[in-house]
Amino acid sequence: MIDWTMVIEVAIFAPCIYLILRFLRETRGSGVIRGLSFILVLTIVTFVALINSFELDRLKIVFEQAYDLAILGLIIIFQPEIRRAIVNVGELPLFSRFLKRETRITSRMLRSVARLSRDKIGALIAVERNVSLTTLAETGITIDAELNSLLIESIFYPGNSLHDGAIIVRDNRIVAASCLLPLSQNSEVDKRLGTRHRAALGLSEEVDSLIIVVSEETGKVSIAQGGKLEHGISLDQLERTIEESLNQAGRSQP
């Protein structure tokens, strides 16, 4: 006969133990925390054994008070590590299907685009969705760095050897820079379009990526998606478009 009480207890304790072990592994202060955890567990076991064996009621009262204070102290001391661990847990694949993917992508992208637009620095950013851009990434220089607004700006800064071409963004990372995108061959496209805009439109005609363009002449922001190019996009519109695009990509994944 199945002991459902034990099954429920294991189901509760197993995730807790897993999260604690993950926290100890990933935090920068893992060595210190492991040591303190060992000392804390050893102290608790020792005191509980003494109290139960010799019925030390006064020591039990003191221990209970000290135990509560020790837990509170550990939470205060290791608040940054605990916060970082919670963030890491929230990024587990188990939760990524239910939580929005675009939070960091959107905020960092908006900051960089806003400054590039203000300073009239040309930029071309291809955000991968369901169709892989690996082949196009191979035409450029591998970056494989965490998505960062300052890094995006430095890549497109005039004079930088990587500023020509596009950057490929996948999830929360910049995969490659100075990538060559296919130019649109649509004969109905406005002949006044620059190379960046033609490249953005050309890629959007072939894959489901969202491509963001910042004009070097006017500083205006354009987006290409689904074979269509929209000019003069505001930051609010860009934010909504990125969110909608990545949410749709997330729902399309198996």
C-alpha atoms as a PDB file:
ATOM      1  CA  MET A   1       0.000   0.000   0.000  1.00  0.00           C
ATOM      2  CA  ILE A   2       1.317   3.432  -0.941  1.00  0.00           C
ATOM      3  CA  ASP A   3       2.114   5.741   1.946  1.00  0.00           C
ATOM      4  CA  TRP A   4       0.689   8.972   0.492  1.00  0.00           C
ATOM      5  CA  THR A   5       1.962  10.984   3.450  1.00  0.00           C
ATOM      6  CA  MET A   6       5.537  10.057   2.564  1.00  0.00           C
ATOM      7  CA  VAL A   7       4.919  10.764  -1.131  1.00  0.00           C
ATOM      8  CA  ILE A   8       3.595  14.252  -0.330  1.00  0.00           C
ATOM      9  CA  GLU A   9       6.521  14.958   1.993  1.00  0.00           C
ATOM     10  CA  VAL A  10       9.053  13.875  -0.653  1.00  0.00           C
ATOM     11  CA  ALA A  11       7.249  15.984  -3.275  1.00  0.00           C
ATOM     12  CA  ILE A  12       7.574  19.007  -0.994  1.00  0.00           C
ATOM     13  CA  PHE A  13      11.137  18.475   0.195  1.00  0.00           C
ATOM     14  CA  ALA A  14      12.703  17.432  -3.128  1.00  0.00           C
ATOM     15  CA  PRO A  15      12.168  20.791  -4.919  1.00  0.00           C
ATOM     16  CA  CYS A  16      13.312  22.654  -1.809  1.00  0.00           C
ATOM     17  CA  ILE A  17      16.530  20.623  -1.619  1.00  0.00           C
ATOM     18  CA  TYR A  18      17.099  21.107  -5.353  1.00  0.00           C
ATOM     19  CA  LEU A  19      16.676  24.884  -5.112  1.00  0.00           C
ATOM     20  CA  ILE A  20      19.017  25.055  -2.120  1.00  0.00           C
ATOM     21  CA  LEU A  21      21.687  23.021  -3.936  1.00  0.00           C
ATOM     22  CA  ARG A  22      21.296  25.181  -7.048  1.00  0.00           C
ATOM     23  CA  PHE A  23      21.659  28.284  -4.922  1.00  0.00           C
ATOM     24  CA  LEU A  24      24.828  26.958  -3.257  1.00  0.00           C
ATOM     25  CA  ARG A  25      26.310  26.034  -6.632  1.00  0.00           C
ATOM     26  CA  GLU A  26      25.642  29.286  -8.480  1.00  0.00           C
ATOM     27  CA  THR A  27      26.154  31.997  -5.896  1.00  0.00           C
ATOM     28  CA  ARG A  28      29.518  33.777  -5.808  1.00  0.00           C
ATOM     29  CA  GLY A  29      29.733  33.286  -2.034  1.00  0.00           C
ATOM     30  CA  SER A  30      29.085  29.544  -2.323  1.00  0.00           C
ATOM     31  CA  GLY A  31      32.138  28.552  -0.278  1.00  0.00           C
ATOM     32  CA  VAL A  32      31.147  30.785   2.624  1.00  0.00           C
ATOM     33  CA  ILE A  33      27.521  29.703   2.469  1.00  0.00           C
ATOM     34  CA  ARG A  34      28.445  26.015   2.351  1.00  0.00           C
ATOM     35  CA  GLY A  35      30.593  26.462   5.424  1.00  0.00           C
ATOM     36  CA  LEU A  36      27.922  28.360   7.328  1.00  0.00           C
ATOM     37  CA  SER A  37      25.253  25.880   6.268  1.00  0.00           C
ATOM     38  CA  PHE A  38      27.351  22.974   7.531  1.00  0.00           C
ATOM     39  CA  ILE A  39      27.994  24.722  10.843  1.00  0.00           C
ATOM     40  CA  LEU A  40      24.328  25.669  11.192  1.00  0.00           C
ATOM     41  CA  VAL A  41      23.093  22.141  10.488  1.00  0.00           C
ATOM     42  CA  LEU A  42      25.681  20.618  12.817  1.00  0.00           C
ATOM     43  CA  THR A  43      24.733  23.071  15.579  1.00  0.00           C
ATOM     44  CA  ILE A  44      21.015  22.404  15.191  1.00  0.00           C
ATOM     45  CA  VAL A  45      21.476  18.628  15.270  1.00  0.00           C
ATOM     46  CA  THR A  46      23.745  18.849  18.306  1.00  0.00           C
ATOM     47  CA  PHE A  47      21.441  21.131  20.294  1.00  0.00           C
ATOM     48  CA  VAL A  48      18.317  19.168  19.409  1.00  0.00           C
ATOM     49  CA  ALA A  49      20.006  15.931  20.484  1.00  0.00           C
ATOM     50  CA  LEU A  50      21.137  17.467  23.793  1.00  0.00           C
ATOM     51  CA  ILE A  51      17.764  19.076  24.516  1.00  0.00           C
ATOM     52  CA  ASN A  52      15.800  15.894  23.799  1.00  0.00           C
ATOM     53  CA  SER A  53      18.224  13.640  25.640  1.00  0.00           C
ATOM     54  CA  PHE A  54      18.510  15.651  28.863  1.00  0.00           C
ATOM     55  CA  GLU A  55      15.236  17.642  28.747  1.00  0.00           C
ATOM     56  CA  LEU A  56      17.024  20.989  28.958  1.00  0.00           C
ATOM     57  CA  ASP A  57      13.990  23.260  28.868  1.00  0.00           C
ATOM     58  CA  ARG A  58      15.853  26.512  29.522  1.00  0.00           C
ATOM     59  CA  LEU A  59      18.408  25.714  26.840  1.00  0.00           C
ATOM     60  CA  LYS A  60      15.523  24.910  24.500  1.00  0.00           C
ATOM     61  CA  ILE A  61      14.048  28.396  24.996  1.00  0.00           C
ATOM     62  CA  VAL A  62      17.411  30.075  24.410  1.00  0.00           C
ATOM     63  CA  PHE A  63      18.059  27.884  21.362  1.00  0.00           C
ATOM     64  CA  GLU A  64      14.695  28.714  19.782  1.00  0.00           C
ATOM     65  CA  GLN A  65      15.309  32.455  20.183  1.00  0.00           C
ATOM     66  CA  ALA A  66      18.880  32.235  18.860  1.00  0.00           C
ATOM     67  CA  TYR A  67      17.757  30.062  15.944  1.00  0.00           C
ATOM     68  CA  ASP A  68      15.229  32.656  14.758  1.00  0.00           C
ATOM     69  CA  LEU A  69      17.807  35.443  15.021  1.00  0.00           C
ATOM     70  CA  ALA A  70      20.424  33.376  13.170  1.00  0.00           C
ATOM     71  CA  ILE A  71      18.063  32.724  10.250  1.00  0.00           C
ATOM     72  CA  LEU A  72      17.171  36.424  10.062  1.00  0.00           C
ATOM     73  CA  GLY A  73      20.858  37.364  10.195  1.00  0.00           C
ATOM     74  CA  LEU A  74      21.740  34.985   7.366  1.00  0.00           C
ATOM     75  CA  ILE A  75      18.966  36.415   5.196  1.00  0.00           C
ATOM     76  CA  ILE A  76      20.248  39.961   5.776  1.00  0.00           C
ATOM     77  CA  ILE A  77      23.920  39.092   5.214  1.00  0.00           C
ATOM     78  CA  PHE A  78      23.365  37.097   2.049  1.00  0.00           C
ATOM     79  CA  GLN A  79      20.537  39.179   0.585  1.00  0.00           C
ATOM     80  CA  PRO A  80      22.375  39.842  -2.733  1.00  0.00           C
ATOM     81  CA  GLU A  81      23.145  36.130  -3.203  1.00  0.00           C
ATOM     82  CA  ILE A  82      19.592  35.132  -2.305  1.00  0.00           C
ATOM     83  CA  ARG A  83      18.182  37.681  -4.753  1.00  0.00           C
ATOM     84  CA  ARG A  84      20.506  36.418  -7.500  1.00  0.00           C
ATOM     85  CA  ALA A  85      19.468  32.839  -6.814  1.00  0.00           C
ATOM     86  CA  ILE A  86      15.780  33.767  -7.078  1.00  0.00           C
ATOM     87  CA  VAL A  87      16.457  35.434 -10.431  1.00  0.00           C
ATOM     88  CA  ASN A  88      18.264  32.299 -11.646  1.00  0.00           C
ATOM     89  CA  VAL A  89      15.348  30.123 -10.582  1.00  0.00           C
ATOM     90  CA  GLY A  90      12.957  32.363 -12.472  1.00  0.00           C
ATOM     91  CA  GLU A  91      15.003  31.817 -15.634  1.00  0.00           C
ATOM     92  CA  LEU A  92      14.759  28.028 -15.497  1.00  0.00           C
ATOM     93  CA  PRO A  93      13.276  26.446 -18.664  1.00  0.00           C
ATOM     94  CA  LEU A  94      10.431  25.137 -16.484  1.00  0.00           C
ATOM     95  CA  PHE A  95       9.216  28.691 -15.904  1.00  0.00           C
ATOM     96  CA  SER A  96      10.279  30.270 -19.194  1.00  0.00           C
ATOM     97  CA  ARG A  97       7.248  28.759 -20.941  1.00  0.00           C
ATOM     98  CA  PHE A  98       4.898  30.604 -18.604  1.00  0.00           C
ATOM     99  CA  LEU A  99       6.768  33.866 -18.048  1.00  0.00           C
ATOM    100  CA  LYS A 100       7.412  36.596 -20.591  1.00  0.00           C
ATOM    101  CA  ARG A 101      10.650  36.124 -22.475  1.00  0.00           C
ATOM    102  CA  GLU A 102      11.132  39.699 -23.531  1.00  0.00           C
ATOM    103  CA  THR A 103      11.622  41.511 -20.217  1.00  0.00           C
ATOM    104  CA  ARG A 104      15.388  42.044 -20.432  1.00  0.00           C
ATOM    105  CA  ILE A 105      15.516  42.006 -24.205  1.00  0.00           C
ATOM    106  CA  THR A 106      12.930  44.767 -24.477  1.00  0.00           C
ATOM    107  CA  SER A 107      14.393  47.101 -21.860  1.00  0.00           C
ATOM    108  CA  ARG A 108      17.989  46.785 -23.062  1.00  0.00           C
ATOM    109  CA  MET A 109      17.033  47.047 -26.704  1.00  0.00           C
ATOM    110  CA  LEU A 110      14.963  50.173 -26.083  1.00  0.00           C
ATOM    111  CA  ARG A 111      17.793  51.893 -24.213  1.00  0.00           C
ATOM    112  CA  SER A 112      20.294  51.271 -26.986  1.00  0.00           C
ATOM    113  CA  VAL A 113      17.889  52.190 -29.805  1.00  0.00           C
ATOM    114  CA  ALA A 114      16.880  55.398 -28.011  1.00  0.00           C
ATOM    115  CA  ARG A 115      20.492  56.565 -27.694  1.00  0.00           C
ATOM    116  CA  LEU A 116      21.434  55.478 -31.215  1.00  0.00           C
ATOM    117  CA  SER A 117      18.431  57.362 -32.593  1.00  0.00           C
ATOM    118  CA  ARG A 118      19.244  60.468 -30.550  1.00  0.00           C
ATOM    119  CA  ASP A 119      22.854  60.523 -31.768  1.00  0.00           C
ATOM    120  CA  LYS A 120      21.894  59.564 -35.353  1.00  0.00           C
ATOM    121  CA  ILE A 121      24.070  56.470 -35.354  1.00  0.00           C
ATOM    122  CA  GLY A 122      23.016  53.935 -37.966  1.00  0.00           C
ATOM    123  CA  ALA A 123      22.142  50.456 -36.685  1.00  0.00           C
ATOM    124  CA  LEU A 124      20.705  47.173 -37.938  1.00  0.00           C
ATOM    125  CA  ILE A 125      19.480  44.620 -35.379  1.00  0.00           C
ATOM    126  CA  ALA A 126      17.959  41.250 -36.298  1.00  0.00           C
ATOM    127  CA  VAL A 127      16.064  39.568 -33.452  1.00  0.00           C
ATOM    128  CA  GLU A 128      15.731  35.829 -34.028  1.00  0.00           C
ATOM    129  CA  ARG A 129      12.344  34.250 -33.397  1.00  0.00           C
ATOM    130  CA  ASN A 130      11.450  30.705 -34.513  1.00  0.00           C
ATOM    131  CA  VAL A 131      13.560  30.491 -37.678  1.00  0.00           C
ATOM    132  CA  SER A 132      17.279  30.148 -36.920  1.00  0.00           C
ATOM    133  CA  LEU A 133      19.674  32.836 -38.155  1.00  0.00           C
ATOM    134  CA  THR A 134      22.780  30.700 -37.616  1.00  0.00           C
ATOM    135  CA  THR A 135      23.718  30.751 -41.298  1.00  0.00           C
ATOM    136  CA  LEU A 136      23.605  34.546 -41.400  1.00  0.00           C
ATOM    137  CA  ALA A 137      25.506  34.769 -38.106  1.00  0.00           C
ATOM    138  CA  GLU A 138      28.343  32.830 -39.751  1.00  0.00           C
ATOM    139  CA  THR A 139      28.796  35.675 -42.256  1.00  0.00           C
ATOM    140  CA  GLY A 140      29.836  38.020 -39.446  1.00  0.00           C
ATOM    141  CA  ILE A 141      32.051  38.030 -36.376  1.00  0.00           C
ATOM    142  CA  THR A 142      31.048  35.796 -33.475  1.00  0.00           C
ATOM    143  CA  ILE A 143      30.292  37.776 -30.313  1.00  0.00           C
ATOM    144  CA  ASP A 144      28.279  35.375 -28.115  1.00  0.00           C
ATOM    145  CA  ALA A 145      27.870  37.928 -25.324  1.00  0.00           C
ATOM    146  CA  GLU A 146      25.023  38.767 -23.002  1.00  0.00           C
ATOM    147  CA  LEU A 147      22.675  41.344 -24.473  1.00  0.00           C
ATOM    148  CA  ASN A 148      23.792  44.750 -23.233  1.00  0.00           C
ATOM    149  CA  SER A 149      22.688  48.184 -24.391  1.00  0.00           C
ATOM    150  CA  LEU A 150      26.201  49.654 -24.104  1.00  0.00           C
ATOM    151  CA  LEU A 151      27.651  46.783 -26.129  1.00  0.00           C
ATOM    152  CA  ILE A 152      25.099  47.368 -28.890  1.00  0.00           C
ATOM    153  CA  GLU A 153      25.978  51.067 -28.993  1.00  0.00           C
ATOM    154  CA  SER A 154      29.714  50.391 -29.060  1.00  0.00           C
ATOM    155  CA  ILE A 155      29.327  47.944 -31.953  1.00  0.00           C
ATOM    156  CA  PHE A 156      27.526  50.516 -34.119  1.00  0.00           C
ATOM    157  CA  TYR A 157      29.650  53.480 -33.054  1.00  0.00           C
ATOM    158  CA  PRO A 158      31.166  55.148 -36.167  1.00  0.00           C
ATOM    159  CA  GLY A 159      34.715  53.976 -36.742  1.00  0.00           C
ATOM    160  CA  ASN A 160      34.191  50.628 -35.042  1.00  0.00           C
ATOM    161  CA  SER A 161      35.269  47.866 -37.414  1.00  0.00           C
ATOM    162  CA  LEU A 162      32.040  45.973 -36.670  1.00  0.00           C
ATOM    163  CA  HIS A 163      29.587  48.814 -37.274  1.00  0.00           C
ATOM    164  CA  ASP A 164      28.836  47.782 -40.855  1.00  0.00           C
ATOM    165  CA  GLY A 165      26.274  45.022 -41.187  1.00  0.00           C
ATOM    166  CA  ALA A 166      23.808  43.683 -38.648  1.00  0.00           C
ATOM    167  CA  ILE A 167      23.951  42.144 -35.206  1.00  0.00           C
ATOM    168  CA  ILE A 168      22.052  38.911 -34.559  1.00  0.00           C
ATOM    169  CA  VAL A 169      20.188  38.674 -31.245  1.00  0.00           C
ATOM    170  CA  ARG A 170      19.022  35.322 -29.923  1.00  0.00           C
ATOM    171  CA  ASP A 171      17.188  35.175 -26.586  1.00  0.00           C
ATOM    172  CA  ASN A 172      19.300  37.298 -24.200  1.00  0.00           C
ATOM    173  CA  ARG A 173      22.536  37.163 -26.181  1.00  0.00           C
ATOM    174  CA  ILE A 174      24.227  38.933 -29.062  1.00  0.00           C
ATOM    175  CA  VAL A 175      25.285  36.038 -31.280  1.00  0.00           C
ATOM    176  CA  ALA A 176      27.306  37.885 -33.928  1.00  0.00           C
ATOM    177  CA  ALA A 177      28.017  41.310 -35.387  1.00  0.00           C
ATOM    178  CA  SER A 178      28.873  42.690 -38.838  1.00  0.00           C
ATOM    179  CA  CYS A 179      26.573  40.109 -40.435  1.00  0.00           C
ATOM    180  CA  LEU A 180      25.459  40.338 -44.052  1.00  0.00           C
ATOM    181  CA  LEU A 181      21.714  40.272 -44.611  1.00  0.00           C
ATOM    182  CA  PRO A 182      20.039  39.557 -47.964  1.00  0.00           C
ATOM    183  CA  LEU A 183      18.858  42.695 -49.752  1.00  0.00           C
ATOM    184  CA  SER A 184      15.240  42.893 -50.849  1.00  0.00           C
ATOM    185  CA  GLN A 185      14.729  42.135 -54.535  1.00  0.00           C
ATOM    186  CA  ASN A 186      11.211  43.569 -54.547  1.00  0.00           C
ATOM    187  CA  SER A 187      10.972  45.883 -57.587  1.00  0.00           C
ATOM    188  CA  GLU A 188       8.226  47.911 -55.917  1.00  0.00           C
ATOM    189  CA  VAL A 189      10.422  49.004 -53.012  1.00  0.00           C
ATOM    190  CA  ASP A 190      11.176  52.714 -52.826  1.00  0.00           C
ATOM    191  CA  LYS A 191      14.456  53.304 -54.647  1.00  0.00           C
ATOM    192  CA  ARG A 192      15.440  55.866 -52.030  1.00  0.00           C
ATOM    193  CA  LEU A 193      15.774  53.205 -49.371  1.00  0.00           C
ATOM    194  CA  GLY A 194      19.285  52.821 -47.992  1.00  0.00           C
ATOM    195  CA  THR A 195      21.203  49.572 -47.731  1.00  0.00           C
ATOM    196  CA  ARG A 196      20.235  48.981 -44.091  1.00  0.00           C
ATOM    197  CA  HIS A 197      16.534  49.316 -44.826  1.00  0.00           C
ATOM    198  CA  ARG A 198      16.769  47.103 -47.904  1.00  0.00           C
ATOM    199  CA  ALA A 199      18.630  44.479 -45.886  1.00  0.00           C
ATOM    200  CA  ALA A 200      16.044  44.609 -43.098  1.00  0.00           C
ATOM    201  CA  LEU A 201      13.205  44.221 -45.580  1.00  0.00           C
ATOM    202  CA  GLY A 202      15.045  41.462 -47.453  1.00  0.00           C
ATOM    203  CA  LEU A 203      15.533  39.374 -44.316  1.00  0.00           C
ATOM    204  CA  SER A 204      11.932  39.889 -43.211  1.00  0.00           C
ATOM    205  CA  GLU A 205      10.804  38.498 -46.579  1.00  0.00           C
ATOM    206  CA  GLU A 206      12.651  35.236 -45.924  1.00  0.00           C
ATOM    207  CA  VAL A 207      12.301  34.536 -42.191  1.00  0.00           C
ATOM    208  CA  ASP A 208      10.071  35.502 -39.263  1.00  0.00           C
ATOM    209  CA  SER A 209      12.692  37.664 -37.507  1.00  0.00           C
ATOM    210  CA  LEU A 210      12.032  41.170 -36.217  1.00  0.00           C
ATOM    211  CA  ILE A 211      14.547  43.602 -37.708  1.00  0.00           C
ATOM    212  CA  ILE A 212      15.146  47.050 -36.234  1.00  0.00           C
ATOM    213  CA  VAL A 213      16.788  49.829 -38.244  1.00  0.00           C
ATOM    214  CA  VAL A 214      18.096  53.182 -37.043  1.00  0.00           C
ATOM    215  CA  SER A 215      18.680  55.687 -39.826  1.00  0.00           C
ATOM    216  CA  GLU A 216      22.089  57.318 -39.896  1.00  0.00           C
ATOM    217  CA  GLU A 217      20.710  60.377 -41.727  1.00  0.00           C
ATOM    218  CA  THR A 218      17.562  61.111 -39.711  1.00  0.00           C
ATOM    219  CA  GLY A 219      17.878  59.014 -36.563  1.00  0.00           C
ATOM    220  CA  LYS A 220      14.394  57.635 -37.183  1.00  0.00           C
ATOM    221  CA  VAL A 221      13.587  54.060 -36.181  1.00  0.00           C
ATOM    222  CA  SER A 222      12.061  51.545 -38.588  1.00  0.00           C
ATOM    223  CA  ILE A 223      11.031  47.921 -38.162  1.00  0.00           C
ATOM    224  CA  ALA A 224      10.741  45.156 -40.733  1.00  0.00           C
ATOM    225  CA  GLN A 225       8.622  42.092 -40.156  1.00  0.00           C
ATOM    226  CA  GLY A 226       6.707  39.731 -42.398  1.00  0.00           C
ATOM    227  CA  GLY A 227       7.975  41.415 -45.563  1.00  0.00           C
ATOM    228  CA  LYS A 228       6.762  44.860 -44.493  1.00  0.00           C
ATOM    229  CA  LEU A 229       8.765  47.904 -43.461  1.00  0.00           C
ATOM    230  CA  GLU A 230       7.392  50.571 -41.108  1.00  0.00           C
ATOM    231  CA  HIS A 231       9.125  53.942 -40.814  1.00  0.00           C
ATOM    232  CA  GLY A 232       9.153  56.504 -38.010  1.00  0.00           C
ATOM    233  CA  ILE A 233       8.374  54.097 -35.174  1.00  0.00           C
ATOM    234  CA  SER A 234       8.162  55.603 -31.697  1.00  0.00           C
ATOM    235  CA  LEU A 235       9.824  53.901 -28.739  1.00  0.00           C
ATOM    236  CA  ASP A 236       6.416  52.981 -27.315  1.00  0.00           C
ATOM    237  CA  GLN A 237       5.466  51.320 -30.596  1.00  0.00           C
ATOM    238  CA  LEU A 238       8.823  49.562 -30.710  1.00  0.00           C
ATOM    239  CA  GLU A 239       8.345  48.261 -27.179  1.00  0.00           C
ATOM    240  CA  ARG A 240       4.919  46.822 -28.002  1.00  0.00           C
ATOM    241  CA  THR A 241       6.215  45.287 -31.230  1.00  0.00           C
ATOM    242  CA  ILE A 242       9.150  43.552 -29.499  1.00  0.00           C
ATOM    243  CA  GLU A 243       6.891  42.192 -26.775  1.00  0.00           C
ATOM    244  CA  GLU A 244       4.256  40.939 -29.194  1.00  0.00           C
ATOM    245  CA  SER A 245       6.879  39.447 -31.507  1.00  0.00           C
ATOM    246  CA  LEU A 246       8.707  37.509 -28.799  1.00  0.00           C
ATOM    247  CA  ASN A 247       5.509  36.360 -27.120  1.00  0.00           C
ATOM    248  CA  GLN A 248       4.262  34.970 -30.416  1.00  0.00           C
ATOM    249  CA  ALA A 249       7.613  33.257 -30.931  1.00  0.00           C
ATOM    250  CA  GLY A 250       7.371  31.706 -27.464  1.00  0.00           C
ATOM    251  CA  ARG A 251       3.868  30.364 -28.141  1.00  0.00           C
ATOM    252  CA  SER A 252       4.990  28.904 -31.453  1.00  0.00           C
ATOM    253  CA  GLN A 253       7.736  26.838 -29.864  1.00  0.00           C
ATOM    254  CA  PRO A 254       6.932  23.177 -29.122  1.00  0.00           C
END
